[in-house]
Amino acid sequence: MATTIWKGVISLDETEVPVKLHAAVKEERIQFHLLHKRDGVRLHQQMICAYEKKPVPVTAQTKGFEVEKGKYLIFDPAELEQTAPEGSRQIELHEFVGSGRIDPIYLEHVYYLEPDSAPEKYNALVAALQEMATEGICTWTMRKRSYLGVLQARGKILRLNTLRYADEVVAVNALELQEIAMSERELQIGSDLINQMTAPFQPEKFVNEHQQKLQRLIEQKARGEKVVLLRPKVLKPTESDKLLEALEASLKKVA
């Protein structure tokens, strides 16, 4: 059963739709702990004073903003608390955009929204978003933090994606990309290769090979087997004048 992270209501004009928020993804990563190499005991982090070289207890810690090298503005918790957003249970819809019109670079975390009550209102909102092919731009507050997001209907469920703000996205023109001429032959070979490799997206076809190798290594260690260290292969980059030949070779492999 999915764990409820937060409860709130979707607010649209005078209509409120009670919902429960759940995580839509989970991290499947093998976690390692830092141990003392000599005795195998787990290590714990401490905050060390750079001047005294001693651990500082939480009660003696405070927050500061560096205004210039080595100079800080000191803030106490009460001052910072004033800037925290007011608590709310509302997901406020502000406007609607066409489905798929949001650049994926703005998408951050994704959640599922489940009806908490009044399922008929929830279903009506899902149906309306799908019928109109739109997504709702919204804001809400959760755990003393404000969020910008987009409400999406997928199948019979609502998804809530947090969005990055515009000033968090690096403009592509900052890369200073160069204009490079391309021949018709190069374009045709590239197009043919893409066409032959085009297929429906099936995420189950792809696995995290690094995690699988880590799991096998852990099991091997647990059985007391000796681990053989392999020398990694070093691949030479394809030279620019050989790139066309490499594309043609790739095309023959998938033909």
C-alpha atoms as a PDB file:
ATOM      1  CA  MET A   1       0.000   0.000   0.000  1.00  0.00           C
ATOM      2  CA  ALA A   2       1.306   3.450  -0.919  1.00  0.00           C
ATOM      3  CA  THR A   3       2.255   5.762   1.950  1.00  0.00           C
ATOM      4  CA  THR A   4       0.484   9.118   2.087  1.00  0.00           C
ATOM      5  CA  ILE A   5       3.007  11.957   2.196  1.00  0.00           C
ATOM      6  CA  TRP A   6       0.591  14.870   2.473  1.00  0.00           C
ATOM      7  CA  LYS A   7      -3.106  15.711   2.279  1.00  0.00           C
ATOM      8  CA  GLY A   8      -4.703  18.751   0.689  1.00  0.00           C
ATOM      9  CA  VAL A   9      -7.358  20.032  -1.688  1.00  0.00           C
ATOM     10  CA  ILE A  10      -7.149  21.090  -5.317  1.00  0.00           C
ATOM     11  CA  SER A  11      -8.717  24.538  -5.456  1.00  0.00           C
ATOM     12  CA  LEU A  12     -10.334  25.683  -8.726  1.00  0.00           C
ATOM     13  CA  ASP A  13     -12.609  28.717  -8.499  1.00  0.00           C
ATOM     14  CA  GLU A  14     -15.251  27.610  -5.958  1.00  0.00           C
ATOM     15  CA  THR A  15     -14.581  23.892  -6.376  1.00  0.00           C
ATOM     16  CA  GLU A  16     -12.361  21.904  -4.000  1.00  0.00           C
ATOM     17  CA  VAL A  17     -11.149  18.368  -4.660  1.00  0.00           C
ATOM     18  CA  PRO A  18      -9.685  16.597  -1.571  1.00  0.00           C
ATOM     19  CA  VAL A  19      -6.575  14.576  -2.433  1.00  0.00           C
ATOM     20  CA  LYS A  20      -3.800  12.499  -0.901  1.00  0.00           C
ATOM     21  CA  LEU A  21      -0.258  12.815  -2.256  1.00  0.00           C
ATOM     22  CA  HIS A  22       1.981   9.788  -2.814  1.00  0.00           C
ATOM     23  CA  ALA A  23       5.504   9.373  -4.183  1.00  0.00           C
ATOM     24  CA  ALA A  24       5.412   8.207  -7.809  1.00  0.00           C
ATOM     25  CA  VAL A  25       9.019   6.998  -7.973  1.00  0.00           C
ATOM     26  CA  LYS A  26      11.383   5.246  -5.582  1.00  0.00           C
ATOM     27  CA  GLU A  27      15.144   5.144  -5.394  1.00  0.00           C
ATOM     28  CA  GLU A  28      16.540   1.656  -5.898  1.00  0.00           C
ATOM     29  CA  ARG A  29      20.163   2.279  -5.014  1.00  0.00           C
ATOM     30  CA  ILE A  30      22.529   0.159  -2.966  1.00  0.00           C
ATOM     31  CA  GLN A  31      23.713   2.188   0.013  1.00  0.00           C
ATOM     32  CA  PHE A  32      27.132   1.842   1.609  1.00  0.00           C
ATOM     33  CA  HIS A  33      28.188   3.123   5.039  1.00  0.00           C
ATOM     34  CA  LEU A  34      31.510   4.673   5.978  1.00  0.00           C
ATOM     35  CA  LEU A  35      33.400   2.519   8.496  1.00  0.00           C
ATOM     36  CA  HIS A  36      36.587   2.917  10.486  1.00  0.00           C
ATOM     37  CA  LYS A  37      39.065   0.896   8.417  1.00  0.00           C
ATOM     38  CA  ARG A  38      40.912  -0.324  11.514  1.00  0.00           C
ATOM     39  CA  ASP A  39      38.018  -1.743  13.562  1.00  0.00           C
ATOM     40  CA  GLY A  40      35.058  -1.795  11.165  1.00  0.00           C
ATOM     41  CA  VAL A  41      32.896   0.462  13.351  1.00  0.00           C
ATOM     42  CA  ARG A  42      30.486   2.823  11.586  1.00  0.00           C
ATOM     43  CA  LEU A  43      31.532   6.482  11.379  1.00  0.00           C
ATOM     44  CA  HIS A  44      29.282   9.423  12.243  1.00  0.00           C
ATOM     45  CA  GLN A  45      29.484  12.930  10.862  1.00  0.00           C
ATOM     46  CA  GLN A  46      30.240  15.831  13.154  1.00  0.00           C
ATOM     47  CA  MET A  47      30.306  19.572  12.605  1.00  0.00           C
ATOM     48  CA  ILE A  48      33.893  20.690  13.312  1.00  0.00           C
ATOM     49  CA  CYS A  49      34.897  24.273  14.062  1.00  0.00           C
ATOM     50  CA  ALA A  50      37.536  25.216  11.468  1.00  0.00           C
ATOM     51  CA  TYR A  51      39.285  27.440  14.056  1.00  0.00           C
ATOM     52  CA  GLU A  52      39.184  25.333  17.233  1.00  0.00           C
ATOM     53  CA  LYS A  53      39.267  21.959  15.404  1.00  0.00           C
ATOM     54  CA  LYS A  54      36.629  20.660  17.833  1.00  0.00           C
ATOM     55  CA  PRO A  55      33.092  19.240  17.350  1.00  0.00           C
ATOM     56  CA  VAL A  56      30.327  21.825  17.848  1.00  0.00           C
ATOM     57  CA  PRO A  57      27.029  20.662  19.441  1.00  0.00           C
ATOM     58  CA  VAL A  58      23.737  21.529  17.737  1.00  0.00           C
ATOM     59  CA  THR A  59      22.851  24.000  20.515  1.00  0.00           C
ATOM     60  CA  ALA A  60      25.963  26.051  19.664  1.00  0.00           C
ATOM     61  CA  GLN A  61      25.325  26.145  15.908  1.00  0.00           C
ATOM     62  CA  THR A  62      23.702  28.994  13.969  1.00  0.00           C
ATOM     63  CA  LYS A  63      23.154  29.923  10.335  1.00  0.00           C
ATOM     64  CA  GLY A  64      25.026  32.613   8.436  1.00  0.00           C
ATOM     65  CA  PHE A  65      25.023  34.089   4.928  1.00  0.00           C
ATOM     66  CA  GLU A  66      28.437  34.878   3.458  1.00  0.00           C
ATOM     67  CA  VAL A  67      28.466  38.459   2.137  1.00  0.00           C
ATOM     68  CA  GLU A  68      32.164  38.366   1.304  1.00  0.00           C
ATOM     69  CA  LYS A  69      35.047  35.979   1.915  1.00  0.00           C
ATOM     70  CA  GLY A  70      35.066  35.109   5.639  1.00  0.00           C
ATOM     71  CA  LYS A  71      32.312  37.628   6.595  1.00  0.00           C
ATOM     72  CA  TYR A  72      28.802  36.452   7.453  1.00  0.00           C
ATOM     73  CA  LEU A  73      25.404  37.837   8.365  1.00  0.00           C
ATOM     74  CA  ILE A  74      24.163  35.812  11.353  1.00  0.00           C
ATOM     75  CA  PHE A  75      20.503  34.749  11.533  1.00  0.00           C
ATOM     76  CA  ASP A  76      18.670  33.144  14.437  1.00  0.00           C
ATOM     77  CA  PRO A  77      15.820  30.644  13.852  1.00  0.00           C
ATOM     78  CA  ALA A  78      13.109  33.197  14.749  1.00  0.00           C
ATOM     79  CA  GLU A  79      14.288  35.574  12.020  1.00  0.00           C
ATOM     80  CA  LEU A  80      14.337  32.837   9.385  1.00  0.00           C
ATOM     81  CA  GLU A  81      10.921  31.581  10.534  1.00  0.00           C
ATOM     82  CA  GLN A  82       9.408  34.891   9.420  1.00  0.00           C
ATOM     83  CA  THR A  83      10.235  34.081   5.790  1.00  0.00           C
ATOM     84  CA  ALA A  84       8.613  30.633   5.862  1.00  0.00           C
ATOM     85  CA  PRO A  85       5.382  30.398   3.813  1.00  0.00           C
ATOM     86  CA  GLU A  86       2.099  30.204   5.675  1.00  0.00           C
ATOM     87  CA  GLY A  87       0.795  26.704   6.173  1.00  0.00           C
ATOM     88  CA  SER A  88      -1.919  25.670   3.739  1.00  0.00           C
ATOM     89  CA  ARG A  89      -3.666  22.584   2.433  1.00  0.00           C
ATOM     90  CA  GLN A  90      -4.594  24.092  -0.913  1.00  0.00           C
ATOM     91  CA  ILE A  91      -3.207  23.230  -4.327  1.00  0.00           C
ATOM     92  CA  GLU A  92      -4.231  26.415  -6.100  1.00  0.00           C
ATOM     93  CA  LEU A  93      -4.718  26.227  -9.869  1.00  0.00           C
ATOM     94  CA  HIS A  94      -3.738  29.460 -11.633  1.00  0.00           C
ATOM     95  CA  GLU A  95      -3.948  28.725 -15.374  1.00  0.00           C
ATOM     96  CA  PHE A  96      -3.998  25.936 -17.930  1.00  0.00           C
ATOM     97  CA  VAL A  97      -1.603  25.098 -20.771  1.00  0.00           C
ATOM     98  CA  GLY A  98      -1.804  22.581 -23.595  1.00  0.00           C
ATOM     99  CA  SER A  99      -0.673  19.045 -22.747  1.00  0.00           C
ATOM    100  CA  GLY A 100       2.964  18.447 -23.600  1.00  0.00           C
ATOM    101  CA  ARG A 101       3.708  22.163 -23.986  1.00  0.00           C
ATOM    102  CA  ILE A 102       5.996  22.351 -20.933  1.00  0.00           C
ATOM    103  CA  ASP A 103       9.686  21.820 -21.716  1.00  0.00           C
ATOM    104  CA  PRO A 104      10.843  18.721 -19.738  1.00  0.00           C
ATOM    105  CA  ILE A 105      13.803  20.755 -18.417  1.00  0.00           C
ATOM    106  CA  TYR A 106      11.344  22.436 -16.030  1.00  0.00           C
ATOM    107  CA  LEU A 107       9.989  19.135 -14.635  1.00  0.00           C
ATOM    108  CA  GLU A 108      11.462  18.062 -11.305  1.00  0.00           C
ATOM    109  CA  HIS A 109       9.743  15.555  -8.955  1.00  0.00           C
ATOM    110  CA  VAL A 110       6.553  13.650  -9.743  1.00  0.00           C
ATOM    111  CA  TYR A 111       3.803  12.548  -7.345  1.00  0.00           C
ATOM    112  CA  TYR A 112       0.482  10.720  -7.609  1.00  0.00           C
ATOM    113  CA  LEU A 113      -2.691  12.358  -6.315  1.00  0.00           C
ATOM    114  CA  GLU A 114      -5.387  10.018  -5.017  1.00  0.00           C
ATOM    115  CA  PRO A 115      -8.924  11.147  -4.111  1.00  0.00           C
ATOM    116  CA  ASP A 116      -9.263  11.551  -0.343  1.00  0.00           C
ATOM    117  CA  SER A 117     -13.032  11.962  -0.564  1.00  0.00           C
ATOM    118  CA  ALA A 118     -15.590  13.156  -3.134  1.00  0.00           C
ATOM    119  CA  PRO A 119     -14.273  10.823  -5.869  1.00  0.00           C
ATOM    120  CA  GLU A 120     -16.886  12.181  -8.302  1.00  0.00           C
ATOM    121  CA  LYS A 121     -15.165  15.612  -8.248  1.00  0.00           C
ATOM    122  CA  TYR A 122     -11.762  13.966  -8.719  1.00  0.00           C
ATOM    123  CA  ASN A 123     -12.998  11.906 -11.690  1.00  0.00           C
ATOM    124  CA  ALA A 124     -14.657  14.960 -13.235  1.00  0.00           C
ATOM    125  CA  LEU A 125     -11.379  16.912 -13.051  1.00  0.00           C
ATOM    126  CA  VAL A 126      -9.429  14.025 -14.619  1.00  0.00           C
ATOM    127  CA  ALA A 127     -11.966  13.735 -17.431  1.00  0.00           C
ATOM    128  CA  ALA A 128     -12.001  17.498 -18.055  1.00  0.00           C
ATOM    129  CA  LEU A 129      -8.206  17.739 -18.291  1.00  0.00           C
ATOM    130  CA  GLN A 130      -8.111  14.839 -20.736  1.00  0.00           C
ATOM    131  CA  GLU A 131     -11.038  16.120 -22.796  1.00  0.00           C
ATOM    132  CA  MET A 132      -9.475  19.579 -23.102  1.00  0.00           C
ATOM    133  CA  ALA A 133      -5.914  18.183 -23.518  1.00  0.00           C
ATOM    134  CA  THR A 134      -4.665  20.630 -20.894  1.00  0.00           C
ATOM    135  CA  GLU A 135      -2.497  20.672 -17.772  1.00  0.00           C
ATOM    136  CA  GLY A 136      -2.946  22.966 -14.785  1.00  0.00           C
ATOM    137  CA  ILE A 137      -0.210  25.257 -13.452  1.00  0.00           C
ATOM    138  CA  CYS A 138      -0.506  25.381  -9.678  1.00  0.00           C
ATOM    139  CA  THR A 139       1.189  26.356  -6.416  1.00  0.00           C
ATOM    140  CA  TRP A 140       1.027  24.823  -2.939  1.00  0.00           C
ATOM    141  CA  THR A 141       2.849  24.745   0.387  1.00  0.00           C
ATOM    142  CA  MET A 142       4.132  21.546   1.953  1.00  0.00           C
ATOM    143  CA  ARG A 143       6.399  21.141   4.972  1.00  0.00           C
ATOM    144  CA  LYS A 144       7.226  24.855   5.206  1.00  0.00           C
ATOM    145  CA  ARG A 145       8.185  25.145   1.554  1.00  0.00           C
ATOM    146  CA  SER A 146       6.331  26.657  -1.406  1.00  0.00           C
ATOM    147  CA  TYR A 147       6.135  24.766  -4.704  1.00  0.00           C
ATOM    148  CA  LEU A 148       5.320  25.557  -8.308  1.00  0.00           C
ATOM    149  CA  GLY A 149       3.891  22.615 -10.206  1.00  0.00           C
ATOM    150  CA  VAL A 150       1.767  21.218 -13.004  1.00  0.00           C
ATOM    151  CA  LEU A 151      -1.302  19.028 -12.553  1.00  0.00           C
ATOM    152  CA  GLN A 152      -1.601  16.324 -15.220  1.00  0.00           C
ATOM    153  CA  ALA A 153      -4.206  13.656 -15.990  1.00  0.00           C
ATOM    154  CA  ARG A 154      -2.797  10.293 -17.020  1.00  0.00           C
ATOM    155  CA  GLY A 155      -5.284   7.467 -17.452  1.00  0.00           C
ATOM    156  CA  LYS A 156      -7.590   7.559 -14.422  1.00  0.00           C
ATOM    157  CA  ILE A 157      -5.193   9.335 -12.080  1.00  0.00           C
ATOM    158  CA  LEU A 158      -3.826  12.821 -11.465  1.00  0.00           C
ATOM    159  CA  ARG A 159      -0.092  13.419 -11.365  1.00  0.00           C
ATOM    160  CA  LEU A 160       1.523  16.420  -9.716  1.00  0.00           C
ATOM    161  CA  ASN A 161       4.935  17.470 -11.042  1.00  0.00           C
ATOM    162  CA  THR A 162       6.986  20.081  -9.238  1.00  0.00           C
ATOM    163  CA  LEU A 163       8.441  22.652 -11.635  1.00  0.00           C
ATOM    164  CA  ARG A 164      11.697  24.554 -11.570  1.00  0.00           C
ATOM    165  CA  TYR A 165      11.402  28.333 -11.647  1.00  0.00           C
ATOM    166  CA  ALA A 166      12.571  30.151 -14.770  1.00  0.00           C
ATOM    167  CA  ASP A 167      15.665  31.602 -13.060  1.00  0.00           C
ATOM    168  CA  GLU A 168      16.804  28.068 -12.128  1.00  0.00           C
ATOM    169  CA  VAL A 169      17.136  26.963 -15.750  1.00  0.00           C
ATOM    170  CA  VAL A 170      20.378  27.730 -17.582  1.00  0.00           C
ATOM    171  CA  ALA A 171      19.705  29.341 -20.962  1.00  0.00           C
ATOM    172  CA  VAL A 172      20.928  27.154 -23.821  1.00  0.00           C
ATOM    173  CA  ASN A 173      22.660  30.123 -25.476  1.00  0.00           C
ATOM    174  CA  ALA A 174      25.116  30.087 -22.559  1.00  0.00           C
ATOM    175  CA  LEU A 175      26.738  27.072 -24.263  1.00  0.00           C
ATOM    176  CA  GLU A 176      27.848  29.122 -27.279  1.00  0.00           C
ATOM    177  CA  LEU A 177      27.250  26.274 -29.719  1.00  0.00           C
ATOM    178  CA  GLN A 178      28.949  26.587 -33.084  1.00  0.00           C
ATOM    179  CA  GLU A 179      27.236  26.312 -36.450  1.00  0.00           C
ATOM    180  CA  ILE A 180      28.681  23.281 -38.271  1.00  0.00           C
ATOM    181  CA  ALA A 181      27.906  22.495 -41.899  1.00  0.00           C
ATOM    182  CA  MET A 182      26.473  19.045 -42.621  1.00  0.00           C
ATOM    183  CA  SER A 183      26.415  17.236 -45.930  1.00  0.00           C
ATOM    184  CA  GLU A 184      23.298  15.595 -47.390  1.00  0.00           C
ATOM    185  CA  ARG A 185      25.024  12.218 -47.115  1.00  0.00           C
ATOM    186  CA  GLU A 186      25.683  12.659 -43.399  1.00  0.00           C
ATOM    187  CA  LEU A 187      22.091  13.728 -42.786  1.00  0.00           C
ATOM    188  CA  GLN A 188      20.691  10.784 -44.782  1.00  0.00           C
ATOM    189  CA  ILE A 189      22.860   8.217 -42.972  1.00  0.00           C
ATOM    190  CA  GLY A 190      21.875   9.674 -39.601  1.00  0.00           C
ATOM    191  CA  SER A 191      18.179   9.664 -40.530  1.00  0.00           C
ATOM    192  CA  ASP A 192      18.327   6.072 -41.809  1.00  0.00           C
ATOM    193  CA  LEU A 193      20.039   4.923 -38.630  1.00  0.00           C
ATOM    194  CA  ILE A 194      17.426   6.610 -36.424  1.00  0.00           C
ATOM    195  CA  ASN A 195      14.551   5.196 -38.488  1.00  0.00           C
ATOM    196  CA  GLN A 196      15.861   1.636 -38.221  1.00  0.00           C
ATOM    197  CA  MET A 197      16.384   1.955 -34.453  1.00  0.00           C
ATOM    198  CA  THR A 198      13.015   3.593 -33.708  1.00  0.00           C
ATOM    199  CA  ALA A 199      10.764   1.521 -31.403  1.00  0.00           C
ATOM    200  CA  PRO A 200       8.053   2.027 -28.743  1.00  0.00           C
ATOM    201  CA  PHE A 201       9.506   3.021 -25.370  1.00  0.00           C
ATOM    202  CA  GLN A 202       9.565  -0.049 -23.106  1.00  0.00           C
ATOM    203  CA  PRO A 203      11.339   0.920 -19.867  1.00  0.00           C
ATOM    204  CA  GLU A 204      11.408  -2.694 -18.625  1.00  0.00           C
ATOM    205  CA  LYS A 205      13.909  -3.490 -21.403  1.00  0.00           C
ATOM    206  CA  PHE A 206      16.546  -1.402 -19.655  1.00  0.00           C
ATOM    207  CA  VAL A 207      18.192  -2.277 -16.341  1.00  0.00           C
ATOM    208  CA  ASN A 208      20.646  -0.510 -14.067  1.00  0.00           C
ATOM    209  CA  GLU A 209      23.763  -2.528 -14.867  1.00  0.00           C
ATOM    210  CA  HIS A 210      25.841  -0.722 -12.248  1.00  0.00           C
ATOM    211  CA  GLN A 211      23.397  -1.717  -9.482  1.00  0.00           C
ATOM    212  CA  GLN A 212      23.364  -5.308 -10.738  1.00  0.00           C
ATOM    213  CA  LYS A 213      27.170  -5.453 -10.652  1.00  0.00           C
ATOM    214  CA  LEU A 214      27.190  -4.020  -7.120  1.00  0.00           C
ATOM    215  CA  GLN A 215      24.641  -6.627  -6.004  1.00  0.00           C
ATOM    216  CA  ARG A 216      26.707  -9.471  -7.492  1.00  0.00           C
ATOM    217  CA  LEU A 217      29.830  -8.083  -5.831  1.00  0.00           C
ATOM    218  CA  ILE A 218      28.056  -7.934  -2.443  1.00  0.00           C
ATOM    219  CA  GLU A 219      26.818 -11.522  -2.808  1.00  0.00           C
ATOM    220  CA  GLN A 220      30.298 -12.654  -3.863  1.00  0.00           C
ATOM    221  CA  LYS A 221      31.848 -10.958  -0.832  1.00  0.00           C
ATOM    222  CA  ALA A 222      29.175 -12.415   1.476  1.00  0.00           C
ATOM    223  CA  ARG A 223      30.076 -15.941   0.262  1.00  0.00           C
ATOM    224  CA  GLY A 224      33.724 -15.248   1.060  1.00  0.00           C
ATOM    225  CA  GLU A 225      34.844 -15.518  -2.549  1.00  0.00           C
ATOM    226  CA  LYS A 226      37.894 -13.688  -3.857  1.00  0.00           C
ATOM    227  CA  VAL A 227      37.148 -10.657  -5.979  1.00  0.00           C
ATOM    228  CA  VAL A 228      39.179 -10.412  -9.173  1.00  0.00           C
ATOM    229  CA  LEU A 229      39.950  -6.812 -10.121  1.00  0.00           C
ATOM    230  CA  LEU A 230      39.481  -6.191 -13.844  1.00  0.00           C
ATOM    231  CA  ARG A 231      41.398  -3.589 -15.817  1.00  0.00           C
ATOM    232  CA  PRO A 232      38.859  -1.202 -17.419  1.00  0.00           C
ATOM    233  CA  LYS A 233      38.846  -0.858 -21.179  1.00  0.00           C
ATOM    234  CA  VAL A 234      39.893   2.506 -22.577  1.00  0.00           C
ATOM    235  CA  LEU A 235      38.000   3.405 -25.739  1.00  0.00           C
ATOM    236  CA  LYS A 236      39.511   5.863 -28.166  1.00  0.00           C
ATOM    237  CA  PRO A 237      37.187   8.665 -29.333  1.00  0.00           C
ATOM    238  CA  THR A 238      36.172   8.588 -32.994  1.00  0.00           C
ATOM    239  CA  GLU A 239      38.116  11.137 -35.014  1.00  0.00           C
ATOM    240  CA  SER A 240      35.966  13.733 -36.762  1.00  0.00           C
ATOM    241  CA  ASP A 241      37.089  12.646 -40.246  1.00  0.00           C
ATOM    242  CA  LYS A 242      36.159   9.032 -39.428  1.00  0.00           C
ATOM    243  CA  LEU A 243      32.692   9.833 -38.039  1.00  0.00           C
ATOM    244  CA  LEU A 244      30.886   9.236 -41.338  1.00  0.00           C
ATOM    245  CA  GLU A 245      32.481   5.790 -41.649  1.00  0.00           C
ATOM    246  CA  ALA A 246      31.436   4.989 -38.090  1.00  0.00           C
ATOM    247  CA  LEU A 247      27.829   5.991 -38.855  1.00  0.00           C
ATOM    248  CA  GLU A 248      27.786   3.802 -41.950  1.00  0.00           C
ATOM    249  CA  ALA A 249      29.159   0.858 -39.944  1.00  0.00           C
ATOM    250  CA  SER A 250      26.442   1.368 -37.302  1.00  0.00           C
ATOM    251  CA  LEU A 251      23.789   1.454 -40.018  1.00  0.00           C
ATOM    252  CA  LYS A 252      24.987  -1.912 -41.410  1.00  0.00           C
ATOM    253  CA  LYS A 253      24.797  -3.495 -37.947  1.00  0.00           C
ATOM    254  CA  VAL A 254      21.127  -2.671 -37.464  1.00  0.00           C
ATOM    255  CA  ALA A 255      20.138  -3.332 -41.100  1.00  0.00           C
END
